[in-house]
């Protein structure tokens, strides 16, 4: 299943933010299969993107985020708590570093940590912070969280093609989906721009489950 930017604009035109905040349908069965645009598989199952939650979960939640985005970080513990409680959700955090160089470096170091087998440890350390971060602060937070940042940077550089490719795909997807900033969620075949509180998150999960 695939969707073009024209189809996205047609879906959201006239709805306004309030209309799409409840989850505009992006992909429907049997629709747009002949186009060469972005597919739901591209978004949900990029083979290079680390996965949290249950890697074999029947439902995937995607969040486009930035390590300096305060709203991403404010809602993160709620999100991961709901995912853990459910037990059948793949959580895919898509790095979209739009807040400047410290965000890019944070993504690079966490990807390097992923290459060292410490993705969740590094990711959670940065998501537990509140404010915007300098590059030195990114390194300090990761170091305090048990990550050797020199080793992580070296590991990132050793697989730079893989990780930079992932960042490029994430950015291209965000543009194709018409995202205006972080956070933004894909739950099932629906896009939820902006922060989600627990009530809306659980309602979105239930809606997808009921429809499947």
N, C-alpha and C. Protein backbone atom coordinates (compact mmCIF):
# COMPACT_ATOMS: atom_id res chain seq x y z
N UNK A 1 0.85 -1.19 0.00
CA UNK A 1 0.00 0.00 0.00
C UNK A 1 0.88 1.23 0.00
N UNK A 2 0.49 2.26 -0.77
CA UNK A 2 1.33 3.45 -0.87
C UNK A 2 0.47 4.69 -0.93
N UNK A 3 1.14 5.82 -0.73
CA UNK A 3 0.41 7.10 -0.74
C UNK A 3 1.33 8.16 -1.30
N UNK A 4 0.78 9.06 -2.06
CA UNK A 4 1.55 10.17 -2.59
C UNK A 4 1.25 11.41 -1.77
N UNK A 5 2.12 12.42 -1.93
CA UNK A 5 1.89 13.67 -1.20
C UNK A 5 0.57 14.31 -1.62
N UNK A 6 0.19 14.17 -2.88
CA UNK A 6 -1.08 14.73 -3.34
C UNK A 6 -2.25 14.10 -2.57
N UNK A 7 -2.17 12.79 -2.33
CA UNK A 7 -3.23 12.12 -1.59
C UNK A 7 -3.28 12.60 -0.14
N UNK A 8 -2.11 12.83 0.46
CA UNK A 8 -2.07 13.34 1.82
C UNK A 8 -2.75 14.70 1.90
N UNK A 9 -2.42 15.58 0.96
CA UNK A 9 -3.00 16.91 0.97
C UNK A 9 -4.51 16.84 0.76
N UNK A 10 -4.95 15.91 -0.09
CA UNK A 10 -6.38 15.75 -0.32
C UNK A 10 -7.09 15.29 0.94
N UNK A 11 -6.42 14.43 1.71
CA UNK A 11 -7.02 13.92 2.93
C UNK A 11 -7.15 14.99 4.00
N UNK A 12 -6.15 15.86 4.07
CA UNK A 12 -6.11 16.83 5.16
C UNK A 12 -6.66 18.19 4.79
N UNK A 13 -6.87 18.44 3.50
CA UNK A 13 -7.34 19.75 3.07
C UNK A 13 -8.69 20.05 3.71
N UNK A 14 -8.80 21.25 4.31
CA UNK A 14 -10.05 21.67 4.88
C UNK A 14 -10.34 21.12 6.25
N UNK A 15 -9.52 20.13 6.68
CA UNK A 15 -9.79 19.54 7.98
C UNK A 15 -9.25 20.38 9.11
N UNK A 16 -8.13 21.07 8.84
CA UNK A 16 -7.48 21.83 9.90
C UNK A 16 -6.79 20.91 10.87
N UNK A 17 -5.96 21.48 11.75
CA UNK A 17 -5.20 20.66 12.69
C UNK A 17 -6.12 19.87 13.59
N UNK A 18 -7.22 20.47 14.02
CA UNK A 18 -8.13 19.74 14.91
C UNK A 18 -8.70 18.52 14.21
N UNK A 19 -8.91 18.62 12.88
CA UNK A 19 -9.48 17.51 12.16
C UNK A 19 -8.53 16.35 12.02
N UNK A 20 -7.24 16.64 11.83
CA UNK A 20 -6.30 15.54 11.63
C UNK A 20 -5.68 15.08 12.93
N UNK A 21 -5.83 15.85 14.00
CA UNK A 21 -5.22 15.46 15.27
C UNK A 21 -5.80 14.17 15.78
N UNK A 22 -7.05 13.88 15.42
CA UNK A 22 -7.66 12.63 15.84
C UNK A 22 -7.19 11.44 15.04
N UNK A 23 -6.40 11.66 14.00
CA UNK A 23 -5.85 10.57 13.24
C UNK A 23 -6.42 10.47 11.85
N UNK A 24 -5.90 11.27 10.91
CA UNK A 24 -6.34 11.17 9.53
C UNK A 24 -5.85 9.87 8.93
N UNK A 25 -6.72 9.19 8.17
CA UNK A 25 -6.33 7.94 7.53
C UNK A 25 -5.37 8.24 6.40
N UNK A 26 -4.22 7.57 6.42
CA UNK A 26 -3.24 7.77 5.36
C UNK A 26 -3.23 6.65 4.34
N UNK A 27 -3.42 5.42 4.80
CA UNK A 27 -3.43 4.28 3.89
C UNK A 27 -4.73 3.50 4.06
N UNK A 28 -5.34 3.13 2.96
CA UNK A 28 -6.51 2.27 3.02
C UNK A 28 -6.30 1.09 2.09
N UNK A 29 -6.90 -0.02 2.38
CA UNK A 29 -6.70 -1.24 1.60
C UNK A 29 -7.13 -1.03 0.15
N UNK A 30 -6.26 -1.49 -0.75
CA UNK A 30 -6.58 -1.47 -2.16
C UNK A 30 -6.48 -0.10 -2.80
N UNK A 31 -5.94 0.89 -2.08
CA UNK A 31 -5.89 2.25 -2.60
C UNK A 31 -4.46 2.67 -2.86
N UNK A 32 -4.20 3.17 -4.07
CA UNK A 32 -2.89 3.72 -4.39
C UNK A 32 -1.81 2.68 -4.59
N UNK A 33 -2.16 1.43 -4.82
CA UNK A 33 -1.16 0.38 -4.90
C UNK A 33 -0.31 0.51 -6.15
N UNK A 34 -0.76 1.28 -7.15
CA UNK A 34 0.00 1.38 -8.38
C UNK A 34 1.02 2.50 -8.34
N UNK A 35 1.00 3.34 -7.31
CA UNK A 35 1.92 4.46 -7.26
C UNK A 35 3.25 4.03 -6.69
N UNK A 36 4.24 4.87 -6.93
CA UNK A 36 5.60 4.56 -6.47
C UNK A 36 5.98 5.41 -5.28
N UNK A 37 4.99 5.94 -4.56
CA UNK A 37 5.26 6.82 -3.44
C UNK A 37 5.60 6.06 -2.18
N UNK A 38 5.53 6.77 -1.07
CA UNK A 38 5.85 6.22 0.23
C UNK A 38 4.87 5.10 0.59
N UNK A 39 5.38 3.99 1.09
CA UNK A 39 4.51 2.89 1.50
C UNK A 39 4.45 2.79 3.01
N UNK A 40 3.41 2.16 3.49
CA UNK A 40 3.29 1.96 4.92
C UNK A 40 4.41 1.08 5.44
N UNK A 41 4.88 0.16 4.61
CA UNK A 41 6.00 -0.70 5.00
C UNK A 41 7.26 0.13 5.21
N UNK A 42 7.48 1.13 4.35
CA UNK A 42 8.62 2.03 4.52
C UNK A 42 8.62 2.68 5.89
N UNK A 43 7.45 3.10 6.32
CA UNK A 43 7.32 3.83 7.58
C UNK A 43 7.43 2.91 8.78
N UNK A 44 6.76 1.78 8.73
CA UNK A 44 6.67 0.91 9.90
C UNK A 44 7.84 -0.03 10.07
N UNK A 45 8.49 -0.43 8.98
CA UNK A 45 9.46 -1.53 9.07
C UNK A 45 10.77 -1.24 8.36
N UNK A 46 11.34 -0.07 8.59
CA UNK A 46 12.68 0.18 8.07
C UNK A 46 13.64 -0.79 8.77
N UNK A 47 14.36 -1.62 8.03
CA UNK A 47 15.19 -2.65 8.66
C UNK A 47 16.33 -2.11 9.51
N UNK A 48 16.73 -0.86 9.28
CA UNK A 48 17.85 -0.29 10.03
C UNK A 48 17.42 0.42 11.31
N UNK A 49 16.12 0.66 11.47
CA UNK A 49 15.66 1.42 12.65
C UNK A 49 15.57 0.51 13.86
N UNK A 50 16.23 0.86 14.97
CA UNK A 50 16.06 0.07 16.20
C UNK A 50 14.60 0.04 16.63
N UNK A 51 14.23 -0.99 17.35
CA UNK A 51 12.85 -1.18 17.79
C UNK A 51 12.81 -1.36 19.30
N UNK A 52 11.88 -0.66 19.95
CA UNK A 52 11.61 -0.83 21.37
C UNK A 52 10.30 -1.60 21.55
N UNK A 53 9.95 -1.88 22.78
CA UNK A 53 8.73 -2.64 23.02
C UNK A 53 8.92 -4.10 22.62
N UNK A 54 7.91 -4.67 22.01
CA UNK A 54 7.94 -6.06 21.56
C UNK A 54 8.27 -6.10 20.07
N UNK A 55 9.48 -6.52 19.68
CA UNK A 55 9.85 -6.53 18.26
C UNK A 55 8.91 -7.36 17.39
N UNK A 56 8.20 -8.31 18.02
CA UNK A 56 7.26 -9.16 17.28
C UNK A 56 5.82 -8.71 17.46
N UNK A 57 5.61 -7.53 18.01
CA UNK A 57 4.26 -7.06 18.30
C UNK A 57 3.39 -6.94 17.06
N UNK A 58 2.11 -7.18 17.24
CA UNK A 58 1.17 -7.14 16.12
C UNK A 58 0.89 -5.72 15.66
N UNK A 59 1.04 -4.75 16.56
CA UNK A 59 0.77 -3.34 16.25
C UNK A 59 2.08 -2.56 16.35
N UNK A 60 2.28 -1.66 15.39
CA UNK A 60 3.47 -0.79 15.42
C UNK A 60 3.05 0.65 15.66
N UNK A 61 3.73 1.29 16.59
CA UNK A 61 3.60 2.73 16.79
C UNK A 61 4.91 3.37 16.37
N UNK A 62 4.83 4.36 15.51
CA UNK A 62 5.99 5.12 15.07
C UNK A 62 5.90 6.53 15.64
N UNK A 63 7.02 7.02 16.16
CA UNK A 63 7.07 8.42 16.57
C UNK A 63 8.25 9.10 15.89
N UNK A 64 7.99 10.17 15.17
CA UNK A 64 9.04 11.04 14.65
C UNK A 64 9.38 12.02 15.78
N UNK A 65 10.65 12.06 16.17
CA UNK A 65 11.02 12.81 17.37
C UNK A 65 12.39 13.43 17.22
N UNK A 66 12.71 14.30 18.15
CA UNK A 66 14.02 14.95 18.25
C UNK A 66 14.44 14.89 19.72
N UNK A 67 15.70 14.62 19.98
CA UNK A 67 16.18 14.52 21.36
C UNK A 67 16.14 15.85 22.11
N UNK A 68 15.88 16.95 21.41
CA UNK A 68 15.73 18.23 22.10
C UNK A 68 14.27 18.70 22.15
N UNK A 69 13.37 17.91 21.62
CA UNK A 69 11.95 18.29 21.60
C UNK A 69 11.34 18.11 22.99
N UNK A 70 10.92 19.17 23.66
CA UNK A 70 10.40 19.02 25.03
C UNK A 70 9.11 18.20 25.08
N UNK A 71 8.27 18.31 24.08
CA UNK A 71 7.02 17.56 24.10
C UNK A 71 7.26 16.07 23.87
N UNK A 72 8.25 15.75 23.04
CA UNK A 72 8.62 14.34 22.85
C UNK A 72 9.05 13.74 24.18
N UNK A 73 9.86 14.48 24.92
CA UNK A 73 10.42 13.96 26.17
C UNK A 73 9.37 13.94 27.28
N UNK A 74 8.49 14.92 27.30
CA UNK A 74 7.46 14.96 28.34
C UNK A 74 6.54 13.75 28.27
N UNK A 75 6.25 13.29 27.06
CA UNK A 75 5.33 12.18 26.91
C UNK A 75 5.97 10.82 26.78
N UNK A 76 7.29 10.77 26.85
CA UNK A 76 7.96 9.52 26.52
C UNK A 76 7.71 8.42 27.55
N UNK A 77 7.79 8.75 28.83
CA UNK A 77 7.59 7.71 29.84
C UNK A 77 6.16 7.17 29.80
N UNK A 78 5.20 8.04 29.50
CA UNK A 78 3.82 7.58 29.34
C UNK A 78 3.70 6.63 28.16
N UNK A 79 4.34 6.99 27.05
CA UNK A 79 4.31 6.15 25.85
C UNK A 79 4.93 4.79 26.11
N UNK A 80 6.14 4.78 26.65
CA UNK A 80 6.81 3.49 26.87
C UNK A 80 6.09 2.67 27.93
N UNK A 81 5.49 3.34 28.91
CA UNK A 81 4.71 2.61 29.91
C UNK A 81 3.51 1.92 29.30
N UNK A 82 2.80 2.63 28.41
CA UNK A 82 1.63 2.04 27.74
C UNK A 82 2.05 0.89 26.84
N UNK A 83 3.18 1.04 26.17
CA UNK A 83 3.69 -0.02 25.29
C UNK A 83 4.04 -1.26 26.11
N UNK A 84 4.73 -1.06 27.24
CA UNK A 84 5.12 -2.18 28.09
C UNK A 84 3.90 -2.87 28.68
N UNK A 85 2.92 -2.09 29.11
CA UNK A 85 1.71 -2.66 29.69
C UNK A 85 0.95 -3.49 28.66
N UNK A 86 0.90 -3.01 27.43
CA UNK A 86 0.18 -3.73 26.38
C UNK A 86 0.88 -5.05 26.03
N UNK A 87 2.19 -4.99 25.82
CA UNK A 87 2.97 -6.20 25.56
C UNK A 87 2.96 -6.69 24.13
N UNK A 88 2.16 -6.07 23.26
CA UNK A 88 2.06 -6.54 21.87
C UNK A 88 2.25 -5.40 20.88
N UNK A 89 3.12 -4.43 21.25
CA UNK A 89 3.35 -3.25 20.42
C UNK A 89 4.84 -3.11 20.11
N UNK A 90 5.14 -2.94 18.83
CA UNK A 90 6.48 -2.53 18.39
C UNK A 90 6.51 -1.00 18.46
N UNK A 91 7.53 -0.45 19.11
CA UNK A 91 7.67 1.00 19.19
C UNK A 91 8.90 1.41 18.37
N UNK A 92 8.66 2.17 17.33
CA UNK A 92 9.72 2.60 16.43
C UNK A 92 9.91 4.10 16.59
N UNK A 93 11.02 4.49 17.17
CA UNK A 93 11.35 5.90 17.36
C UNK A 93 12.20 6.35 16.18
N UNK A 94 11.63 7.24 15.36
CA UNK A 94 12.32 7.71 14.15
C UNK A 94 13.01 9.04 14.42
N UNK A 95 14.33 9.00 14.48
CA UNK A 95 15.11 10.22 14.70
C UNK A 95 14.88 11.20 13.56
N UNK A 96 14.43 12.39 13.93
CA UNK A 96 14.24 13.48 12.97
C UNK A 96 14.83 14.74 13.62
N UNK A 97 16.16 14.87 13.56
CA UNK A 97 16.85 15.94 14.30
C UNK A 97 16.69 17.30 13.63
N UNK A 98 15.69 18.05 14.08
CA UNK A 98 15.35 19.32 13.45
C UNK A 98 15.70 20.53 14.32
N UNK A 99 16.29 20.27 15.50
CA UNK A 99 16.59 21.37 16.42
C UNK A 99 18.08 21.73 16.42
N UNK A 100 18.77 21.44 15.34
CA UNK A 100 20.15 21.89 15.23
C UNK A 100 21.19 20.82 15.47
N UNK A 101 22.44 21.24 15.48
CA UNK A 101 23.57 20.33 15.54
C UNK A 101 23.58 19.44 16.77
N UNK A 102 23.25 19.93 17.97
CA UNK A 102 23.21 19.01 19.12
C UNK A 102 22.25 17.85 18.91
N UNK A 103 21.15 18.09 18.22
CA UNK A 103 20.20 17.01 17.94
C UNK A 103 20.80 15.98 17.00
N UNK A 104 21.51 16.47 15.99
CA UNK A 104 22.17 15.56 15.05
C UNK A 104 23.21 14.72 15.78
N UNK A 105 24.02 15.36 16.63
CA UNK A 105 25.04 14.62 17.35
C UNK A 105 24.41 13.62 18.31
N UNK A 106 23.32 13.99 18.94
CA UNK A 106 22.63 13.06 19.83
C UNK A 106 22.19 11.81 19.08
N UNK A 107 21.59 12.01 17.90
CA UNK A 107 21.18 10.86 17.10
C UNK A 107 22.38 10.01 16.70
N UNK A 108 23.45 10.65 16.29
CA UNK A 108 24.64 9.91 15.89
C UNK A 108 25.20 9.06 17.03
N UNK A 109 25.26 9.65 18.22
CA UNK A 109 25.82 8.92 19.36
C UNK A 109 24.90 7.78 19.80
N UNK A 110 23.60 8.00 19.73
CA UNK A 110 22.68 6.91 20.10
C UNK A 110 22.73 5.80 19.06
N UNK A 111 22.85 6.15 17.79
CA UNK A 111 23.02 5.10 16.77
C UNK A 111 24.32 4.34 16.99
N UNK A 112 25.37 5.07 17.36
CA UNK A 112 26.62 4.38 17.67
C UNK A 112 26.46 3.45 18.85
N UNK A 113 25.71 3.89 19.86
CA UNK A 113 25.43 3.02 21.00
C UNK A 113 24.63 1.79 20.55
N UNK A 114 23.73 1.99 19.58
CA UNK A 114 22.97 0.86 19.04
C UNK A 114 23.91 -0.17 18.42
N UNK A 115 24.92 0.30 17.71
CA UNK A 115 25.90 -0.61 17.12
C UNK A 115 26.66 -1.38 18.19
N UNK A 116 26.74 -0.79 19.39
CA UNK A 116 27.42 -1.44 20.51
C UNK A 116 26.46 -2.25 21.38
N UNK A 117 25.20 -2.33 20.97
CA UNK A 117 24.21 -3.10 21.73
C UNK A 117 23.60 -2.36 22.90
N UNK A 118 23.66 -1.02 22.89
CA UNK A 118 23.15 -0.24 24.02
C UNK A 118 22.18 0.83 23.56
N UNK A 119 21.37 0.53 22.55
CA UNK A 119 20.45 1.54 22.02
C UNK A 119 19.46 2.04 23.07
N UNK A 120 18.73 1.13 23.70
CA UNK A 120 17.70 1.55 24.64
C UNK A 120 18.29 2.33 25.81
N UNK A 121 19.44 1.89 26.29
CA UNK A 121 20.11 2.57 27.39
C UNK A 121 20.43 4.02 27.03
N UNK A 122 21.00 4.22 25.84
CA UNK A 122 21.36 5.57 25.40
C UNK A 122 20.12 6.41 25.10
N UNK A 123 19.18 5.81 24.43
CA UNK A 123 17.95 6.52 24.06
C UNK A 123 17.21 7.00 25.31
N UNK A 124 17.05 6.13 26.27
CA UNK A 124 16.30 6.49 27.47
C UNK A 124 17.03 7.55 28.29
N UNK A 125 18.35 7.52 28.29
CA UNK A 125 19.10 8.53 29.04
C UNK A 125 18.81 9.93 28.51
N UNK A 126 18.80 10.08 27.20
CA UNK A 126 18.54 11.40 26.62
C UNK A 126 17.08 11.79 26.73
N UNK A 127 16.17 10.83 26.59
CA UNK A 127 14.75 11.15 26.67
C UNK A 127 14.33 11.52 28.10
N UNK A 128 15.14 11.19 29.08
CA UNK A 128 14.83 11.53 30.46
C UNK A 128 15.20 12.97 30.81
N UNK A 129 15.88 13.68 29.90
CA UNK A 129 16.22 15.08 30.15
C UNK A 129 15.03 15.96 29.79
N UNK A 130 15.07 17.21 30.22
CA UNK A 130 13.94 18.11 29.99
C UNK A 130 14.25 19.22 29.00
N UNK A 131 15.38 19.87 29.19
CA UNK A 131 15.66 21.09 28.45
C UNK A 131 16.40 20.80 27.15
N UNK A 132 16.57 21.87 26.35
CA UNK A 132 17.43 21.79 25.19
C UNK A 132 18.85 21.50 25.67
N UNK A 133 19.64 20.84 24.82
CA UNK A 133 20.95 20.36 25.21
C UNK A 133 22.03 20.89 24.28
N UNK A 134 23.18 21.22 24.85
CA UNK A 134 24.36 21.46 24.02
C UNK A 134 25.00 20.12 23.70
N UNK A 135 25.93 20.13 22.76
CA UNK A 135 26.61 18.88 22.42
C UNK A 135 27.36 18.33 23.63
N UNK A 136 28.00 19.21 24.40
CA UNK A 136 28.70 18.75 25.61
C UNK A 136 27.72 18.12 26.60
N UNK A 137 26.53 18.71 26.72
CA UNK A 137 25.54 18.15 27.63
C UNK A 137 25.02 16.80 27.14
N UNK A 138 24.90 16.65 25.84
CA UNK A 138 24.51 15.35 25.27
C UNK A 138 25.52 14.29 25.69
N UNK A 139 26.78 14.61 25.53
CA UNK A 139 27.83 13.66 25.90
C UNK A 139 27.81 13.36 27.40
N UNK A 140 27.59 14.41 28.20
CA UNK A 140 27.57 14.21 29.65
C UNK A 140 26.41 13.32 30.07
N UNK A 141 25.23 13.57 29.52
CA UNK A 141 24.06 12.76 29.86
C UNK A 141 24.29 11.30 29.49
N UNK A 142 24.83 11.08 28.31
CA UNK A 142 25.08 9.70 27.88
C UNK A 142 26.16 9.05 28.74
N UNK A 143 27.20 9.83 29.05
CA UNK A 143 28.24 9.28 29.90
C UNK A 143 27.72 8.92 31.27
N UNK A 144 26.89 9.80 31.85
CA UNK A 144 26.29 9.51 33.15
C UNK A 144 25.38 8.30 33.08
N UNK A 145 24.85 8.03 31.88
CA UNK A 145 23.98 6.88 31.69
C UNK A 145 24.73 5.60 31.36
N UNK A 146 26.05 5.65 31.44
CA UNK A 146 26.84 4.44 31.24
C UNK A 146 27.31 4.20 29.83
N UNK A 147 27.20 5.22 28.95
CA UNK A 147 27.62 5.07 27.57
C UNK A 147 29.01 5.67 27.38
N UNK A 148 29.92 4.91 26.79
CA UNK A 148 31.24 5.42 26.40
C UNK A 148 31.04 6.21 25.12
N UNK A 149 30.99 7.54 25.20
CA UNK A 149 30.63 8.34 24.03
C UNK A 149 31.70 8.32 22.95
N UNK A 150 32.97 8.16 23.34
CA UNK A 150 34.02 8.05 22.31
C UNK A 150 33.84 6.76 21.51
N UNK A 151 33.53 5.68 22.22
CA UNK A 151 33.31 4.40 21.53
C UNK A 151 32.04 4.47 20.69
N UNK A 152 31.01 5.14 21.19
CA UNK A 152 29.77 5.26 20.44
C UNK A 152 29.98 6.07 19.16
N UNK A 153 30.74 7.16 19.25
CA UNK A 153 31.01 7.97 18.07
C UNK A 153 31.81 7.18 17.04
N UNK A 154 32.79 6.42 17.52
CA UNK A 154 33.58 5.59 16.60
C UNK A 154 32.71 4.53 15.94
N UNK A 155 31.78 3.95 16.70
CA UNK A 155 30.89 2.93 16.15
C UNK A 155 29.95 3.54 15.11
N UNK A 156 29.45 4.75 15.40
CA UNK A 156 28.61 5.43 14.41
C UNK A 156 29.39 5.66 13.12
N UNK A 157 30.62 6.17 13.25
CA UNK A 157 31.42 6.47 12.06
C UNK A 157 31.75 5.21 11.26
N UNK A 158 31.90 4.09 11.96
CA UNK A 158 32.19 2.83 11.27
C UNK A 158 31.01 2.36 10.41
N UNK A 159 29.80 2.78 10.78
CA UNK A 159 28.60 2.41 10.02
C UNK A 159 27.85 3.65 9.56
N UNK A 160 28.61 4.67 9.21
CA UNK A 160 28.00 5.96 8.89
C UNK A 160 27.02 5.87 7.73
N UNK A 161 27.33 5.06 6.73
CA UNK A 161 26.44 4.93 5.59
C UNK A 161 25.07 4.42 6.00
N UNK A 162 25.05 3.43 6.88
CA UNK A 162 23.80 2.87 7.37
C UNK A 162 23.00 3.90 8.15
N UNK A 163 23.64 4.55 9.12
CA UNK A 163 22.91 5.45 10.00
C UNK A 163 22.53 6.75 9.31
N UNK A 164 23.40 7.30 8.48
CA UNK A 164 23.04 8.51 7.75
C UNK A 164 21.93 8.22 6.74
N UNK A 165 21.96 7.01 6.17
CA UNK A 165 20.88 6.62 5.27
C UNK A 165 19.54 6.59 5.99
N UNK A 166 19.54 6.07 7.22
CA UNK A 166 18.32 6.03 8.01
C UNK A 166 17.82 7.44 8.31
N UNK A 167 18.72 8.33 8.73
CA UNK A 167 18.33 9.70 9.00
C UNK A 167 17.75 10.37 7.76
N UNK A 168 18.37 10.10 6.61
CA UNK A 168 17.87 10.67 5.37
C UNK A 168 16.48 10.17 5.02
N UNK A 169 16.25 8.87 5.21
CA UNK A 169 14.92 8.32 4.93
C UNK A 169 13.88 8.89 5.89
N UNK A 170 14.24 9.01 7.17
CA UNK A 170 13.29 9.57 8.13
C UNK A 170 12.89 10.99 7.74
N UNK A 171 13.86 11.80 7.35
CA UNK A 171 13.58 13.18 6.96
C UNK A 171 12.71 13.22 5.70
N UNK A 172 13.02 12.35 4.74
CA UNK A 172 12.24 12.32 3.51
C UNK A 172 10.80 11.88 3.79
N UNK A 173 10.63 10.92 4.68
CA UNK A 173 9.29 10.47 5.05
C UNK A 173 8.51 11.60 5.72
N UNK A 174 9.16 12.31 6.63
CA UNK A 174 8.48 13.41 7.31
C UNK A 174 8.00 14.45 6.31
N UNK A 175 8.84 14.75 5.31
CA UNK A 175 8.44 15.71 4.28
C UNK A 175 7.28 15.16 3.45
N UNK A 176 7.35 13.89 3.08
CA UNK A 176 6.29 13.26 2.27
C UNK A 176 4.97 13.24 3.03
N UNK A 177 5.04 13.05 4.33
CA UNK A 177 3.83 13.00 5.15
C UNK A 177 3.31 14.39 5.53
N UNK A 178 4.08 15.41 5.18
CA UNK A 178 3.65 16.76 5.49
C UNK A 178 3.75 17.12 6.95
N UNK A 179 4.66 16.47 7.68
CA UNK A 179 4.79 16.75 9.10
C UNK A 179 5.36 18.14 9.31
N UNK A 180 4.85 18.84 10.32
CA UNK A 180 5.26 20.21 10.60
C UNK A 180 6.23 20.31 11.76
N UNK A 181 6.43 19.23 12.50
CA UNK A 181 7.33 19.26 13.64
C UNK A 181 7.18 18.01 14.47
N UNK A 182 7.90 17.97 15.56
CA UNK A 182 7.87 16.83 16.46
C UNK A 182 7.07 17.17 17.71
N UNK A 183 6.44 16.16 18.33
CA UNK A 183 6.35 14.78 17.89
C UNK A 183 5.24 14.60 16.86
N UNK A 184 5.32 13.49 16.13
CA UNK A 184 4.23 13.07 15.25
C UNK A 184 4.21 11.55 15.28
N UNK A 185 3.02 10.99 15.33
CA UNK A 185 2.86 9.55 15.50
C UNK A 185 2.14 8.94 14.31
N UNK A 186 2.55 7.73 13.96
CA UNK A 186 1.79 6.89 13.05
C UNK A 186 1.34 5.68 13.86
N UNK A 187 0.04 5.49 13.95
CA UNK A 187 -0.51 4.35 14.69
C UNK A 187 -1.45 3.63 13.73
N UNK A 188 -1.09 2.42 13.35
CA UNK A 188 -1.84 1.74 12.31
C UNK A 188 -1.68 2.49 11.01
N UNK A 189 -2.79 2.89 10.40
CA UNK A 189 -2.74 3.63 9.14
C UNK A 189 -3.12 5.09 9.33
N UNK A 190 -2.97 5.58 10.55
CA UNK A 190 -3.38 6.96 10.83
C UNK A 190 -2.21 7.79 11.34
N UNK A 191 -2.23 9.05 10.98
CA UNK A 191 -1.22 10.00 11.45
C UNK A 191 -1.83 10.86 12.54
N UNK A 192 -1.05 11.04 13.62
CA UNK A 192 -1.47 11.86 14.75
C UNK A 192 -0.40 12.92 14.98
N UNK A 193 -0.56 14.11 14.40
CA UNK A 193 0.45 15.16 14.58
C UNK A 193 0.36 15.77 15.96
N UNK A 194 1.50 16.08 16.53
CA UNK A 194 1.52 16.72 17.84
C UNK A 194 1.52 15.72 18.98
N UNK A 195 1.63 16.25 20.19
CA UNK A 195 1.71 15.41 21.38
C UNK A 195 0.39 14.69 21.62
N UNK A 196 0.49 13.48 22.17
CA UNK A 196 -0.68 12.70 22.55
C UNK A 196 -0.69 12.51 24.06
N UNK A 197 -1.83 12.75 24.69
CA UNK A 197 -1.93 12.39 26.09
C UNK A 197 -2.31 10.91 26.18
N UNK A 198 -2.33 10.38 27.39
CA UNK A 198 -2.55 8.94 27.54
C UNK A 198 -3.94 8.52 27.05
N UNK A 199 -4.93 9.34 27.27
CA UNK A 199 -6.28 9.00 26.84
C UNK A 199 -6.35 8.87 25.33
N UNK A 200 -5.79 9.84 24.62
CA UNK A 200 -5.80 9.79 23.16
C UNK A 200 -4.95 8.66 22.62
N UNK A 201 -3.82 8.39 23.26
CA UNK A 201 -2.96 7.30 22.81
C UNK A 201 -3.70 5.97 22.93
N UNK A 202 -4.28 5.73 24.08
CA UNK A 202 -4.97 4.46 24.28
C UNK A 202 -6.19 4.33 23.36
N UNK A 203 -6.86 5.45 23.10
CA UNK A 203 -8.01 5.42 22.19
C UNK A 203 -7.55 5.08 20.79
N UNK A 204 -6.41 5.64 20.36
CA UNK A 204 -5.89 5.37 19.02
C UNK A 204 -5.51 3.89 18.89
N UNK A 205 -4.88 3.34 19.92
CA UNK A 205 -4.51 1.92 19.89
C UNK A 205 -5.76 1.05 19.81
N UNK A 206 -6.76 1.38 20.62
CA UNK A 206 -8.00 0.59 20.64
C UNK A 206 -8.71 0.66 19.29
N UNK A 207 -8.68 1.83 18.67
CA UNK A 207 -9.35 1.99 17.38
C UNK A 207 -8.72 1.10 16.32
N UNK A 208 -7.37 1.06 16.30
CA UNK A 208 -6.69 0.23 15.32
C UNK A 208 -6.98 -1.25 15.59
N UNK A 209 -6.97 -1.63 16.84
CA UNK A 209 -7.23 -3.04 17.17
C UNK A 209 -8.64 -3.44 16.78
N UNK A 210 -9.61 -2.56 17.00
CA UNK A 210 -11.00 -2.87 16.68
C UNK A 210 -11.21 -2.99 15.18
N UNK A 211 -10.42 -2.21 14.41
CA UNK A 211 -10.58 -2.21 12.96
C UNK A 211 -9.90 -3.39 12.28
N UNK A 212 -8.97 -4.02 13.00
CA UNK A 212 -8.20 -5.10 12.37
C UNK A 212 -8.93 -6.44 12.46
